[in-house]
Amino acid sequence: MNHEQLLAEMLRALEIDHQYIRHFRAEHAAEIAMVRSLGRKAARTLGRRVRTFQTSPDEREDGVVVAGVVITESDPADDARMRERSELLFRNIDWST
């Protein structure tokens, strides 16, 4: 996936879920850095504040690094949309199992 495709994927995820998370093998440091860098670019594009992060491979038994971008501030319209989405998901859960 090239930078433009990854940025487009990230923008969609941030607009819908306010987060973008990927898992990497620890030796893929360049890809981890790219996710964090493009996350900051996506934030500028969306006009939002974000926090980028990566975990240590020592935190998981499988040694996987979790890298992500999370929107830290939203506006009232985003808050309302996220609340509606949560309620919809909650209503569609099959509680019989």
C-alpha atoms as a PDB file:
ATOM      1  CA  MET A   1       0.000   0.000   0.000  1.00  0.00           C
ATOM      2  CA  ASN A   2       1.440   3.366  -0.970  1.00  0.00           C
ATOM      3  CA  HIS A   3       1.361   6.551   1.134  1.00  0.00           C
ATOM      4  CA  GLU A   4      -1.712   7.993  -0.591  1.00  0.00           C
ATOM      5  CA  GLN A   5      -3.708   4.783  -0.152  1.00  0.00           C
ATOM      6  CA  LEU A   6      -2.698   4.513   3.501  1.00  0.00           C
ATOM      7  CA  LEU A   7      -3.582   8.155   4.126  1.00  0.00           C
ATOM      8  CA  ALA A   8      -7.007   7.672   2.492  1.00  0.00           C
ATOM      9  CA  GLU A   9      -7.626   4.552   4.615  1.00  0.00           C
ATOM     10  CA  MET A  10      -6.539   6.420   7.725  1.00  0.00           C
ATOM     11  CA  LEU A  11      -8.751   9.448   6.969  1.00  0.00           C
ATOM     12  CA  ARG A  12     -11.801   7.189   6.564  1.00  0.00           C
ATOM     13  CA  ALA A  13     -11.083   5.380   9.823  1.00  0.00           C
ATOM     14  CA  LEU A  14     -10.498   8.604  11.743  1.00  0.00           C
ATOM     15  CA  GLU A  15     -13.691  10.166  10.405  1.00  0.00           C
ATOM     16  CA  ILE A  16     -15.784   7.114  11.276  1.00  0.00           C
ATOM     17  CA  ASP A  17     -14.179   5.707  14.437  1.00  0.00           C
ATOM     18  CA  HIS A  18     -11.864   8.499  15.636  1.00  0.00           C
ATOM     19  CA  GLN A  19      -9.028   5.982  15.658  1.00  0.00           C
ATOM     20  CA  TYR A  20      -6.732   4.070  13.321  1.00  0.00           C
ATOM     21  CA  ILE A  21      -4.887   1.015  14.650  1.00  0.00           C
ATOM     22  CA  ARG A  22      -2.419  -1.324  12.908  1.00  0.00           C
ATOM     23  CA  HIS A  23      -0.335  -4.260  14.094  1.00  0.00           C
ATOM     24  CA  PHE A  24       3.264  -4.763  12.988  1.00  0.00           C
ATOM     25  CA  ARG A  25       6.134  -7.094  13.595  1.00  0.00           C
ATOM     26  CA  ALA A  26       8.758  -5.253  15.634  1.00  0.00           C
ATOM     27  CA  GLU A  27      11.309  -5.180  12.825  1.00  0.00           C
ATOM     28  CA  HIS A  28       8.986  -3.054  10.635  1.00  0.00           C
ATOM     29  CA  ALA A  29      10.113   0.213  12.208  1.00  0.00           C
ATOM     30  CA  ALA A  30       9.804   2.205   8.961  1.00  0.00           C
ATOM     31  CA  GLU A  31       6.154   1.233   8.526  1.00  0.00           C
ATOM     32  CA  ILE A  32       5.413   2.085  12.167  1.00  0.00           C
ATOM     33  CA  ALA A  33       6.994   5.512  11.722  1.00  0.00           C
ATOM     34  CA  MET A  34       5.009   5.986   8.502  1.00  0.00           C
ATOM     35  CA  VAL A  35       1.699   5.324  10.290  1.00  0.00           C
ATOM     36  CA  ARG A  36       2.557   7.879  12.944  1.00  0.00           C
ATOM     37  CA  SER A  37       3.714  10.466  10.410  1.00  0.00           C
ATOM     38  CA  LEU A  38       0.679  10.007   8.157  1.00  0.00           C
ATOM     39  CA  GLY A  39      -1.519  10.148  11.255  1.00  0.00           C
ATOM     40  CA  ARG A  40      -0.267  13.654  11.939  1.00  0.00           C
ATOM     41  CA  LYS A  41      -0.855  14.566   8.288  1.00  0.00           C
ATOM     42  CA  ALA A  42      -4.403  13.176   8.491  1.00  0.00           C
ATOM     43  CA  ALA A  43      -5.000  15.296  11.595  1.00  0.00           C
ATOM     44  CA  ARG A  44      -3.957  18.434   9.729  1.00  0.00           C
ATOM     45  CA  THR A  45      -6.235  17.469   6.826  1.00  0.00           C
ATOM     46  CA  LEU A  46      -9.201  16.927   9.163  1.00  0.00           C
ATOM     47  CA  GLY A  47      -8.408  19.924  11.338  1.00  0.00           C
ATOM     48  CA  ARG A  48      -8.297  17.729  14.435  1.00  0.00           C
ATOM     49  CA  ARG A  49      -5.856  17.075  17.243  1.00  0.00           C
ATOM     50  CA  VAL A  50      -4.544  13.545  17.460  1.00  0.00           C
ATOM     51  CA  ARG A  51      -2.219  11.446  19.521  1.00  0.00           C
ATOM     52  CA  THR A  52      -0.033   8.881  17.788  1.00  0.00           C
ATOM     53  CA  PHE A  53       1.412   5.946  19.670  1.00  0.00           C
ATOM     54  CA  GLN A  54       3.184   2.654  19.434  1.00  0.00           C
ATOM     55  CA  THR A  55       3.521  -0.083  21.989  1.00  0.00           C
ATOM     56  CA  SER A  56       6.685  -1.895  22.931  1.00  0.00           C
ATOM     57  CA  PRO A  57       7.037  -5.418  21.512  1.00  0.00           C
ATOM     58  CA  ASP A  58       7.787  -6.514  25.086  1.00  0.00           C
ATOM     59  CA  GLU A  59       4.207  -5.696  26.104  1.00  0.00           C
ATOM     60  CA  ARG A  60       2.777  -8.661  24.177  1.00  0.00           C
ATOM     61  CA  GLU A  61       3.683 -12.326  24.182  1.00  0.00           C
ATOM     62  CA  ASP A  62       3.728 -12.392  20.375  1.00  0.00           C
ATOM     63  CA  GLY A  63       6.089  -9.387  20.158  1.00  0.00           C
ATOM     64  CA  VAL A  64       3.679  -7.443  17.951  1.00  0.00           C
ATOM     65  CA  VAL A  65       3.829  -3.645  17.983  1.00  0.00           C
ATOM     66  CA  VAL A  66       0.504  -1.820  17.961  1.00  0.00           C
ATOM     67  CA  ALA A  67       0.717   1.574  16.270  1.00  0.00           C
ATOM     68  CA  GLY A  68      -2.135   3.992  16.046  1.00  0.00           C
ATOM     69  CA  VAL A  69      -3.639   7.403  15.770  1.00  0.00           C
ATOM     70  CA  VAL A  70      -6.469   8.600  18.015  1.00  0.00           C
ATOM     71  CA  ILE A  71      -8.449  11.828  17.712  1.00  0.00           C
ATOM     72  CA  THR A  72      -8.232  13.572  21.080  1.00  0.00           C
ATOM     73  CA  GLU A  73     -10.685  16.410  20.492  1.00  0.00           C
ATOM     74  CA  SER A  74     -13.967  16.407  18.595  1.00  0.00           C
ATOM     75  CA  ASP A  75     -16.740  18.857  17.974  1.00  0.00           C
ATOM     76  CA  PRO A  76     -20.384  18.546  19.137  1.00  0.00           C
ATOM     77  CA  ALA A  77     -21.538  17.190  15.753  1.00  0.00           C
ATOM     78  CA  ASP A  78     -18.898  14.436  15.919  1.00  0.00           C
ATOM     79  CA  ASP A  79     -19.895  13.636  19.502  1.00  0.00           C
ATOM     80  CA  ALA A  80     -23.550  13.294  18.484  1.00  0.00           C
ATOM     81  CA  ARG A  81     -22.668  11.092  15.501  1.00  0.00           C
ATOM     82  CA  MET A  82     -20.494   8.832  17.640  1.00  0.00           C
ATOM     83  CA  ARG A  83     -23.242   8.567  20.260  1.00  0.00           C
ATOM     84  CA  GLU A  84     -25.793   7.579  17.570  1.00  0.00           C
ATOM     85  CA  ARG A  85     -23.382   5.034  16.140  1.00  0.00           C
ATOM     86  CA  SER A  86     -22.765   3.518  19.583  1.00  0.00           C
ATOM     87  CA  GLU A  87     -26.494   3.288  20.257  1.00  0.00           C
ATOM     88  CA  LEU A  88     -27.098   1.623  16.888  1.00  0.00           C
ATOM     89  CA  LEU A  89     -24.353  -0.927  17.509  1.00  0.00           C
ATOM     90  CA  PHE A  90     -25.660  -1.567  21.009  1.00  0.00           C
ATOM     91  CA  ARG A  91     -29.226  -2.152  19.737  1.00  0.00           C
ATOM     92  CA  ASN A  92     -28.004  -4.658  17.160  1.00  0.00           C
ATOM     93  CA  ILE A  93     -26.182  -6.900  19.628  1.00  0.00           C
ATOM     94  CA  ASP A  94     -27.687 -10.368  19.939  1.00  0.00           C
ATOM     95  CA  TRP A  95     -28.010 -10.615  23.715  1.00  0.00           C
ATOM     96  CA  SER A  96     -29.414 -14.180  23.595  1.00  0.00           C
ATOM     97  CA  THR A  97     -25.983 -15.817  23.401  1.00  0.00           C
END
